Amino acid sequence: MIHLERIDHKNVWDIIDLKVFRSQKEFVASNSISIVQAYSVEGSGTSAFPFAIYNDKKPVGFVMIGFNEAATYDAFDEEPPKILKDNYSIWRLMIDKKYQRRGFGKEALKLALEFVRTFPCGKAEYCSLSYEPENVVAREMYHKFGFVENGEMDGDEIVAVLKL
């Protein structure tokens, strides 16, 4: 059974050890960078929720949910996609290469959206995410959940949104 658990001292190294296929590395940041990012945004106006994805007791992936991710762009003097202001985002999502093509990504995204809909940082209208244009598998999965491209780009990535 797929479930999410907060990243903590007990599971952080297991999650850092998870990897995607070499051909997928350009699509997602490493889990170690993502976890550092999650804790480095504290006090910035952005909230991050890093979760381990488990199949029963086995770690199979990582997902990070954000709120008001736009605030982090101030540190880089960049203009964020407008949708990131005061909305939720699926900031990261990865499934380890050994566990792909088993439906774990879909189940994890479903659980991540259930968490978002608890509005842990307050009510918001949208949840967004972004993906590399070449990542057709991700695009198709996101479309099945109702995410629609809104015309914005996040660097080289296409932004898609879901009305909550």
N, C-alpha and C. Protein backbone atom coordinates (compact mmCIF):
# COMPACT_ATOMS: atom_id res chain seq x y z
N MET A 1 0.84 -1.19 0.00
CA MET A 1 0.00 0.00 0.00
C MET A 1 0.89 1.25 0.00
N ILE A 2 0.61 2.16 -0.90
CA ILE A 2 1.39 3.39 -1.02
C ILE A 2 0.94 4.38 0.05
N HIS A 3 1.91 4.98 0.73
CA HIS A 3 1.61 6.04 1.69
C HIS A 3 2.79 7.00 1.76
N LEU A 4 2.54 8.17 2.31
CA LEU A 4 3.56 9.21 2.46
C LEU A 4 3.98 9.30 3.91
N GLU A 5 5.26 9.53 4.13
CA GLU A 5 5.79 9.80 5.47
C GLU A 5 6.72 11.00 5.39
N ARG A 6 6.66 11.85 6.40
CA ARG A 6 7.56 12.99 6.46
C ARG A 6 9.01 12.53 6.44
N ILE A 7 9.86 13.32 5.84
CA ILE A 7 11.30 13.04 5.85
C ILE A 7 11.82 13.43 7.24
N ASP A 8 12.55 12.51 7.86
CA ASP A 8 13.15 12.80 9.15
C ASP A 8 14.48 12.05 9.27
N HIS A 9 15.06 12.09 10.45
CA HIS A 9 16.37 11.47 10.66
C HIS A 9 16.34 9.95 10.44
N LYS A 10 15.19 9.34 10.52
CA LYS A 10 15.09 7.90 10.36
C LYS A 10 15.09 7.46 8.89
N ASN A 11 14.58 8.30 8.00
CA ASN A 11 14.44 7.86 6.61
C ASN A 11 15.19 8.71 5.59
N VAL A 12 15.82 9.78 6.03
CA VAL A 12 16.43 10.71 5.08
C VAL A 12 17.46 10.04 4.17
N TRP A 13 18.30 9.17 4.73
CA TRP A 13 19.35 8.55 3.91
C TRP A 13 18.76 7.55 2.92
N ASP A 14 17.70 6.86 3.31
CA ASP A 14 17.04 5.94 2.36
C ASP A 14 16.48 6.72 1.17
N ILE A 15 15.96 7.90 1.43
CA ILE A 15 15.36 8.70 0.35
C ILE A 15 16.45 9.32 -0.52
N ILE A 16 17.53 9.76 0.09
CA ILE A 16 18.65 10.31 -0.68
C ILE A 16 19.22 9.26 -1.62
N ASP A 17 19.19 7.99 -1.20
CA ASP A 17 19.75 6.91 -2.02
C ASP A 17 18.88 6.53 -3.23
N LEU A 18 17.64 6.98 -3.28
CA LEU A 18 16.77 6.65 -4.41
C LEU A 18 17.24 7.39 -5.66
N LYS A 19 17.18 6.73 -6.81
CA LYS A 19 17.67 7.30 -8.06
C LYS A 19 16.71 7.01 -9.21
N VAL A 20 16.73 7.89 -10.20
CA VAL A 20 16.00 7.66 -11.44
C VAL A 20 16.98 7.10 -12.48
N PHE A 21 16.47 6.67 -13.61
CA PHE A 21 17.34 6.22 -14.69
C PHE A 21 18.17 7.39 -15.20
N ARG A 22 19.34 7.09 -15.73
CA ARG A 22 20.23 8.12 -16.26
C ARG A 22 19.50 9.02 -17.26
N SER A 23 18.67 8.43 -18.10
CA SER A 23 17.93 9.20 -19.11
C SER A 23 16.90 10.15 -18.50
N GLN A 24 16.58 9.98 -17.22
CA GLN A 24 15.58 10.82 -16.54
C GLN A 24 16.21 11.90 -15.67
N LYS A 25 17.52 11.87 -15.50
CA LYS A 25 18.18 12.80 -14.57
C LYS A 25 17.93 14.26 -14.92
N GLU A 26 17.75 14.58 -16.20
CA GLU A 26 17.51 15.97 -16.58
C GLU A 26 16.09 16.44 -16.23
N PHE A 27 15.24 15.49 -15.86
CA PHE A 27 13.85 15.82 -15.56
C PHE A 27 13.59 16.17 -14.11
N VAL A 28 14.47 15.77 -13.19
CA VAL A 28 14.18 15.97 -11.77
C VAL A 28 15.48 16.21 -11.00
N ALA A 29 15.41 17.10 -10.03
CA ALA A 29 16.57 17.36 -9.16
C ALA A 29 16.80 16.14 -8.27
N SER A 30 18.02 15.99 -7.80
CA SER A 30 18.31 14.89 -6.88
C SER A 30 17.53 15.10 -5.58
N ASN A 31 17.26 14.01 -4.90
CA ASN A 31 16.53 14.10 -3.63
C ASN A 31 17.33 14.86 -2.58
N SER A 32 18.65 14.72 -2.60
CA SER A 32 19.46 15.46 -1.61
C SER A 32 19.32 16.96 -1.83
N ILE A 33 19.37 17.42 -3.06
CA ILE A 33 19.19 18.85 -3.33
C ILE A 33 17.79 19.30 -2.94
N SER A 34 16.80 18.49 -3.24
CA SER A 34 15.42 18.84 -2.90
C SER A 34 15.22 18.95 -1.40
N ILE A 35 15.79 18.02 -0.64
CA ILE A 35 15.64 18.06 0.82
C ILE A 35 16.35 19.29 1.39
N VAL A 36 17.53 19.60 0.89
CA VAL A 36 18.22 20.82 1.31
C VAL A 36 17.36 22.04 1.00
N GLN A 37 16.78 22.07 -0.20
CA GLN A 37 15.90 23.18 -0.58
C GLN A 37 14.72 23.29 0.37
N ALA A 38 14.14 22.16 0.73
CA ALA A 38 12.97 22.17 1.60
C ALA A 38 13.26 22.86 2.92
N TYR A 39 14.43 22.59 3.48
CA TYR A 39 14.75 23.16 4.78
C TYR A 39 15.40 24.54 4.68
N SER A 40 15.90 24.88 3.51
CA SER A 40 16.53 26.19 3.36
C SER A 40 15.53 27.31 3.07
N VAL A 41 14.28 26.98 2.76
CA VAL A 41 13.29 28.02 2.49
C VAL A 41 12.64 28.54 3.76
N GLU A 42 12.94 27.92 4.89
CA GLU A 42 12.34 28.36 6.15
C GLU A 42 12.60 29.85 6.36
N GLY A 43 11.56 30.58 6.66
CA GLY A 43 11.67 32.02 6.89
C GLY A 43 11.59 32.86 5.63
N SER A 44 11.45 32.22 4.48
CA SER A 44 11.42 32.95 3.21
C SER A 44 10.01 33.35 2.78
N GLY A 45 9.00 32.80 3.44
CA GLY A 45 7.63 33.01 3.00
C GLY A 45 7.10 31.82 2.21
N THR A 46 7.99 30.89 1.91
CA THR A 46 7.62 29.65 1.23
C THR A 46 7.59 28.53 2.26
N SER A 47 6.64 27.62 2.11
CA SER A 47 6.60 26.42 2.95
C SER A 47 6.86 25.22 2.06
N ALA A 48 7.62 24.26 2.59
CA ALA A 48 7.91 23.04 1.85
C ALA A 48 7.59 21.84 2.73
N PHE A 49 7.03 20.82 2.10
CA PHE A 49 6.64 19.60 2.78
C PHE A 49 7.26 18.41 2.04
N PRO A 50 8.44 17.98 2.47
CA PRO A 50 9.07 16.83 1.81
C PRO A 50 8.58 15.51 2.40
N PHE A 51 8.18 14.60 1.54
CA PHE A 51 7.66 13.31 1.97
C PHE A 51 8.38 12.17 1.27
N ALA A 52 8.61 11.11 2.01
CA ALA A 52 9.04 9.84 1.43
C ALA A 52 7.79 9.12 0.94
N ILE A 53 7.91 8.46 -0.19
CA ILE A 53 6.83 7.63 -0.71
C ILE A 53 7.20 6.19 -0.37
N TYR A 54 6.29 5.51 0.31
CA TYR A 54 6.52 4.12 0.71
C TYR A 54 5.51 3.20 0.05
N ASN A 55 5.98 2.02 -0.31
CA ASN A 55 5.11 0.90 -0.64
C ASN A 55 5.23 -0.05 0.55
N ASP A 56 4.21 -0.07 1.38
CA ASP A 56 4.27 -0.75 2.67
C ASP A 56 5.44 -0.17 3.46
N LYS A 57 6.49 -0.94 3.72
CA LYS A 57 7.61 -0.42 4.51
C LYS A 57 8.83 -0.08 3.66
N LYS A 58 8.70 -0.19 2.34
CA LYS A 58 9.83 0.01 1.43
C LYS A 58 9.77 1.40 0.82
N PRO A 59 10.82 2.24 0.98
CA PRO A 59 10.83 3.54 0.33
C PRO A 59 11.00 3.39 -1.18
N VAL A 60 10.08 4.01 -1.93
CA VAL A 60 10.11 3.88 -3.39
C VAL A 60 10.21 5.21 -4.12
N GLY A 61 10.06 6.33 -3.40
CA GLY A 61 10.10 7.61 -4.08
C GLY A 61 10.08 8.78 -3.13
N PHE A 62 9.96 9.95 -3.72
CA PHE A 62 10.01 11.22 -2.99
C PHE A 62 9.05 12.20 -3.65
N VAL A 63 8.34 12.95 -2.82
CA VAL A 63 7.49 14.03 -3.32
C VAL A 63 7.65 15.22 -2.38
N MET A 64 7.70 16.41 -2.96
CA MET A 64 7.78 17.61 -2.15
C MET A 64 6.69 18.57 -2.61
N ILE A 65 5.92 19.01 -1.64
CA ILE A 65 4.82 19.93 -1.87
C ILE A 65 5.25 21.30 -1.38
N GLY A 66 4.90 22.32 -2.12
CA GLY A 66 5.26 23.67 -1.72
C GLY A 66 4.03 24.55 -1.60
N PHE A 67 4.20 25.65 -0.88
CA PHE A 67 3.18 26.69 -0.82
C PHE A 67 3.89 28.03 -0.97
N ASN A 68 3.36 28.88 -1.83
CA ASN A 68 3.94 30.20 -2.08
C ASN A 68 5.41 30.09 -2.52
N GLU A 69 5.64 29.14 -3.39
CA GLU A 69 6.99 28.90 -3.89
C GLU A 69 7.58 30.15 -4.54
N ALA A 70 6.74 31.07 -4.96
CA ALA A 70 7.21 32.31 -5.60
C ALA A 70 8.18 33.08 -4.71
N ALA A 71 8.00 33.01 -3.40
CA ALA A 71 8.86 33.76 -2.48
C ALA A 71 10.32 33.35 -2.58
N THR A 72 10.59 32.11 -2.97
CA THR A 72 11.98 31.66 -3.07
C THR A 72 12.72 32.30 -4.23
N TYR A 73 11.99 32.80 -5.20
CA TYR A 73 12.63 33.41 -6.37
C TYR A 73 13.29 34.74 -6.03
N ASP A 74 12.85 35.38 -4.95
CA ASP A 74 13.46 36.65 -4.54
C ASP A 74 14.95 36.51 -4.29
N ALA A 75 15.36 35.37 -3.74
CA ALA A 75 16.76 35.13 -3.44
C ALA A 75 17.61 35.07 -4.71
N PHE A 76 16.98 34.73 -5.83
CA PHE A 76 17.71 34.60 -7.09
C PHE A 76 17.46 35.77 -8.03
N ASP A 77 16.67 36.73 -7.55
CA ASP A 77 16.33 37.90 -8.35
C ASP A 77 15.74 37.50 -9.70
N GLU A 78 14.85 36.49 -9.66
CA GLU A 78 14.18 36.00 -10.85
C GLU A 78 12.68 36.23 -10.70
N GLU A 79 12.01 36.31 -11.82
CA GLU A 79 10.56 36.46 -11.84
C GLU A 79 9.92 35.07 -11.83
N PRO A 80 9.16 34.74 -10.80
CA PRO A 80 8.54 33.41 -10.76
C PRO A 80 7.29 33.36 -11.63
N PRO A 81 6.85 32.16 -12.00
CA PRO A 81 5.53 32.05 -12.61
C PRO A 81 4.50 32.62 -11.64
N LYS A 82 3.57 33.39 -12.15
CA LYS A 82 2.57 34.05 -11.29
C LYS A 82 1.75 33.06 -10.46
N ILE A 83 1.52 31.87 -11.01
CA ILE A 83 0.70 30.88 -10.33
C ILE A 83 1.32 30.42 -9.01
N LEU A 84 2.63 30.60 -8.83
CA LEU A 84 3.29 30.13 -7.62
C LEU A 84 3.04 31.02 -6.41
N LYS A 85 2.49 32.21 -6.63
CA LYS A 85 2.23 33.12 -5.51
C LYS A 85 0.96 32.70 -4.78
N ASP A 86 1.10 32.40 -3.50
CA ASP A 86 -0.03 32.06 -2.62
C ASP A 86 -0.85 30.87 -3.10
N ASN A 87 -0.22 29.96 -3.81
CA ASN A 87 -0.85 28.71 -4.22
C ASN A 87 0.07 27.55 -3.86
N TYR A 88 -0.47 26.36 -3.95
CA TYR A 88 0.30 25.14 -3.67
C TYR A 88 0.98 24.67 -4.95
N SER A 89 2.01 23.86 -4.76
CA SER A 89 2.70 23.27 -5.92
C SER A 89 3.20 21.88 -5.57
N ILE A 90 3.22 21.05 -6.59
CA ILE A 90 3.94 19.77 -6.50
C ILE A 90 5.34 20.12 -6.99
N TRP A 91 6.21 20.37 -6.04
CA TRP A 91 7.53 20.92 -6.32
C TRP A 91 8.46 19.85 -6.88
N ARG A 92 8.34 18.64 -6.37
CA ARG A 92 9.16 17.53 -6.84
C ARG A 92 8.33 16.24 -6.77
N LEU A 93 8.61 15.34 -7.68
CA LEU A 93 8.01 14.00 -7.64
C LEU A 93 8.95 13.06 -8.37
N MET A 94 9.37 12.02 -7.68
CA MET A 94 10.21 11.01 -8.33
C MET A 94 9.91 9.63 -7.75
N ILE A 95 10.05 8.65 -8.61
CA ILE A 95 9.95 7.24 -8.20
C ILE A 95 11.27 6.60 -8.58
N ASP A 96 11.85 5.84 -7.65
CA ASP A 96 13.11 5.16 -7.90
C ASP A 96 12.99 4.25 -9.13
N LYS A 97 14.10 4.15 -9.86
CA LYS A 97 14.11 3.39 -11.11
C LYS A 97 13.68 1.94 -10.93
N LYS A 98 13.92 1.36 -9.76
CA LYS A 98 13.52 -0.04 -9.52
C LYS A 98 12.01 -0.21 -9.35
N TYR A 99 11.29 0.90 -9.13
CA TYR A 99 9.87 0.80 -8.79
C TYR A 99 8.97 1.52 -9.79
N GLN A 100 9.51 1.96 -10.90
CA GLN A 100 8.71 2.65 -11.90
C GLN A 100 7.82 1.67 -12.66
N ARG A 101 6.78 2.24 -13.27
CA ARG A 101 5.83 1.49 -14.10
C ARG A 101 4.99 0.49 -13.29
N ARG A 102 4.76 0.86 -12.02
CA ARG A 102 3.91 0.02 -11.16
C ARG A 102 2.72 0.82 -10.62
N GLY A 103 2.57 2.07 -11.06
CA GLY A 103 1.46 2.90 -10.59
C GLY A 103 1.77 3.68 -9.32
N PHE A 104 3.00 3.59 -8.82
CA PHE A 104 3.35 4.28 -7.58
C PHE A 104 3.32 5.80 -7.75
N GLY A 105 3.75 6.30 -8.90
CA GLY A 105 3.73 7.74 -9.15
C GLY A 105 2.32 8.29 -9.12
N LYS A 106 1.39 7.58 -9.74
CA LYS A 106 -0.02 8.01 -9.75
C LYS A 106 -0.58 8.02 -8.34
N GLU A 107 -0.31 6.96 -7.59
CA GLU A 107 -0.81 6.89 -6.21
C GLU A 107 -0.19 7.99 -5.34
N ALA A 108 1.09 8.24 -5.54
CA ALA A 108 1.77 9.29 -4.76
C ALA A 108 1.21 10.66 -5.10
N LEU A 109 0.95 10.92 -6.38
CA LEU A 109 0.37 12.20 -6.77
C LEU A 109 -1.03 12.36 -6.18
N LYS A 110 -1.79 11.29 -6.19
CA LYS A 110 -3.14 11.32 -5.58
C LYS A 110 -3.03 11.68 -4.09
N LEU A 111 -2.10 11.04 -3.37
CA LEU A 111 -1.92 11.33 -1.95
C LEU A 111 -1.40 12.75 -1.72
N ALA A 112 -0.52 13.21 -2.58
CA ALA A 112 0.00 14.58 -2.47
C ALA A 112 -1.14 15.58 -2.63
N LEU A 113 -2.02 15.34 -3.59
CA LEU A 113 -3.15 16.26 -3.79
C LEU A 113 -4.14 16.19 -2.63
N GLU A 114 -4.30 15.01 -2.05
CA GLU A 114 -5.15 14.91 -0.84
C GLU A 114 -4.55 15.77 0.27
N PHE A 115 -3.23 15.72 0.43
CA PHE A 115 -2.57 16.55 1.44
C PHE A 115 -2.78 18.03 1.13
N VAL A 116 -2.58 18.41 -0.12
CA VAL A 116 -2.77 19.82 -0.52
C VAL A 116 -4.18 20.28 -0.16
N ARG A 117 -5.16 19.43 -0.40
CA ARG A 117 -6.56 19.80 -0.15
C ARG A 117 -6.91 19.90 1.33
N THR A 118 -5.96 19.58 2.21
CA THR A 118 -6.16 19.86 3.63
C THR A 118 -5.77 21.31 3.93
N PHE A 119 -5.19 21.99 2.94
CA PHE A 119 -4.79 23.40 3.02
C PHE A 119 -3.96 23.69 4.28
N PRO A 120 -2.82 23.01 4.43
CA PRO A 120 -1.99 23.19 5.63
C PRO A 120 -1.43 24.60 5.81
N CYS A 121 -1.39 25.37 4.75
CA CYS A 121 -0.91 26.76 4.84
C CYS A 121 -2.02 27.76 4.57
N GLY A 122 -3.25 27.29 4.58
CA GLY A 122 -4.38 28.16 4.30
C GLY A 122 -4.96 27.87 2.92
N LYS A 123 -6.14 28.39 2.70
CA LYS A 123 -6.87 28.16 1.46
C LYS A 123 -6.10 28.73 0.27
N ALA A 124 -6.21 28.06 -0.85
CA ALA A 124 -5.62 28.51 -2.10
C ALA A 124 -6.52 28.04 -3.24
N GLU A 125 -6.39 28.68 -4.37
CA GLU A 125 -7.25 28.36 -5.50
C GLU A 125 -6.66 27.27 -6.39
N TYR A 126 -5.31 27.21 -6.47
CA TYR A 126 -4.67 26.31 -7.42
C TYR A 126 -3.54 25.50 -6.81
N CYS A 127 -3.23 24.41 -7.48
CA CYS A 127 -1.99 23.66 -7.27
C CYS A 127 -1.33 23.60 -8.64
N SER A 128 -0.05 23.88 -8.68
CA SER A 128 0.67 23.86 -9.95
C SER A 128 1.83 22.88 -9.89
N LEU A 129 2.39 22.63 -11.02
CA LEU A 129 3.62 21.84 -11.15
C LEU A 129 4.26 22.24 -12.47
N SER A 130 5.47 21.81 -12.67
CA SER A 130 6.14 22.07 -13.94
C SER A 130 6.90 20.83 -14.36
N TYR A 131 7.12 20.72 -15.66
CA TYR A 131 7.82 19.56 -16.20
C TYR A 131 8.57 19.96 -17.46
N GLU A 132 9.61 19.21 -17.75
CA GLU A 132 10.39 19.41 -18.96
C GLU A 132 9.52 19.04 -20.17
N PRO A 133 9.58 19.81 -21.25
CA PRO A 133 8.76 19.50 -22.43
C PRO A 133 8.96 18.09 -22.98
N GLU A 134 10.16 17.54 -22.82
CA GLU A 134 10.46 16.20 -23.33
C GLU A 134 9.90 15.08 -22.45
N ASN A 135 9.43 15.42 -21.25
CA ASN A 135 8.96 14.41 -20.31
C ASN A 135 7.48 14.08 -20.60
N VAL A 136 7.28 13.32 -21.66
CA VAL A 136 5.94 12.99 -22.14
C VAL A 136 5.19 12.13 -21.12
N VAL A 137 5.88 11.23 -20.46
CA VAL A 137 5.23 10.35 -19.48
C VAL A 137 4.63 11.18 -18.35
N ALA A 138 5.41 12.14 -17.83
CA ALA A 138 4.90 13.00 -16.75
C ALA A 138 3.72 13.84 -17.25
N ARG A 139 3.86 14.44 -18.43
CA ARG A 139 2.78 15.28 -18.96
C ARG A 139 1.47 14.49 -19.04
N GLU A 140 1.53 13.27 -19.56
CA GLU A 140 0.32 12.46 -19.70
C GLU A 140 -0.29 12.13 -18.34
N MET A 141 0.55 11.82 -17.36
CA MET A 141 0.03 11.52 -16.04
C MET A 141 -0.63 12.76 -15.44
N TYR A 142 0.02 13.91 -15.54
CA TYR A 142 -0.53 15.13 -14.98
C TYR A 142 -1.86 15.50 -15.64
N HIS A 143 -1.95 15.31 -16.95
CA HIS A 143 -3.21 15.59 -17.64
C HIS A 143 -4.34 14.71 -17.11
N LYS A 144 -4.03 13.45 -16.82
CA LYS A 144 -5.06 12.53 -16.30
C LYS A 144 -5.61 13.00 -14.95
N PHE A 145 -4.81 13.74 -14.21
CA PHE A 145 -5.25 14.27 -12.92
C PHE A 145 -5.96 15.62 -13.07
N GLY A 146 -6.00 16.16 -14.28
CA GLY A 146 -6.69 17.42 -14.51
C GLY A 146 -5.80 18.64 -14.60
N PHE A 147 -4.48 18.47 -14.53
CA PHE A 147 -3.57 19.60 -14.70
C PHE A 147 -3.60 20.06 -16.15
N VAL A 148 -3.66 21.38 -16.32
CA VAL A 148 -3.72 21.99 -17.64
C VAL A 148 -2.64 23.06 -17.73
N GLU A 149 -1.93 23.10 -18.85
CA GLU A 149 -0.92 24.12 -19.05
C GLU A 149 -1.58 25.49 -19.05
N ASN A 150 -0.92 26.45 -18.39
CA ASN A 150 -1.51 27.79 -18.30
C ASN A 150 -0.74 28.83 -19.13
N GLY A 151 0.21 28.39 -19.93
CA GLY A 151 0.97 29.31 -20.78
C GLY A 151 2.23 29.85 -20.14
N GLU A 152 2.42 29.59 -18.84
CA GLU A 152 3.63 30.07 -18.17
C GLU A 152 4.75 29.03 -18.29
N MET A 153 5.96 29.54 -18.14
CA MET A 153 7.14 28.69 -18.11
C MET A 153 7.87 28.95 -16.80
N ASP A 154 8.50 27.93 -16.28
CA ASP A 154 9.38 28.06 -15.11
C ASP A 154 10.76 27.67 -15.61
N GLY A 155 11.50 28.67 -16.05
CA GLY A 155 12.75 28.40 -16.74
C GLY A 155 12.42 27.71 -18.05
N ASP A 156 12.94 26.50 -18.23
CA ASP A 156 12.67 25.72 -19.45
C ASP A 156 11.49 24.77 -19.27
N GLU A 157 10.84 24.80 -18.12
CA GLU A 157 9.77 23.86 -17.84
C GLU A 157 8.39 24.47 -18.10
N ILE A 158 7.48 23.61 -18.55
CA ILE A 158 6.10 24.00 -18.80
C ILE A 158 5.34 23.95 -17.48
N VAL A 159 4.56 24.97 -17.20
CA VAL A 159 3.76 25.04 -15.98
C VAL A 159 2.33 24.55 -16.29
N ALA A 160 1.81 23.70 -15.42
CA ALA A 160 0.43 23.23 -15.52
C ALA A 160 -0.25 23.44 -14.17
N VAL A 161 -1.55 23.70 -14.20
CA VAL A 161 -2.29 24.02 -12.98
C VAL A 161 -3.53 23.15 -12.84
N LEU A 162 -3.94 22.99 -11.60
CA LEU A 162 -5.15 22.27 -11.24
C LEU A 162 -5.95 23.16 -10.30
N LYS A 163 -7.21 23.42 -10.64
CA LYS A 163 -8.07 24.20 -9.74
C LYS A 163 -8.46 23.30 -8.57
N LEU A 164 -8.26 23.82 -7.36
CA LEU A 164 -8.53 23.02 -6.15
C LEU A 164 -10.00 23.07 -5.74
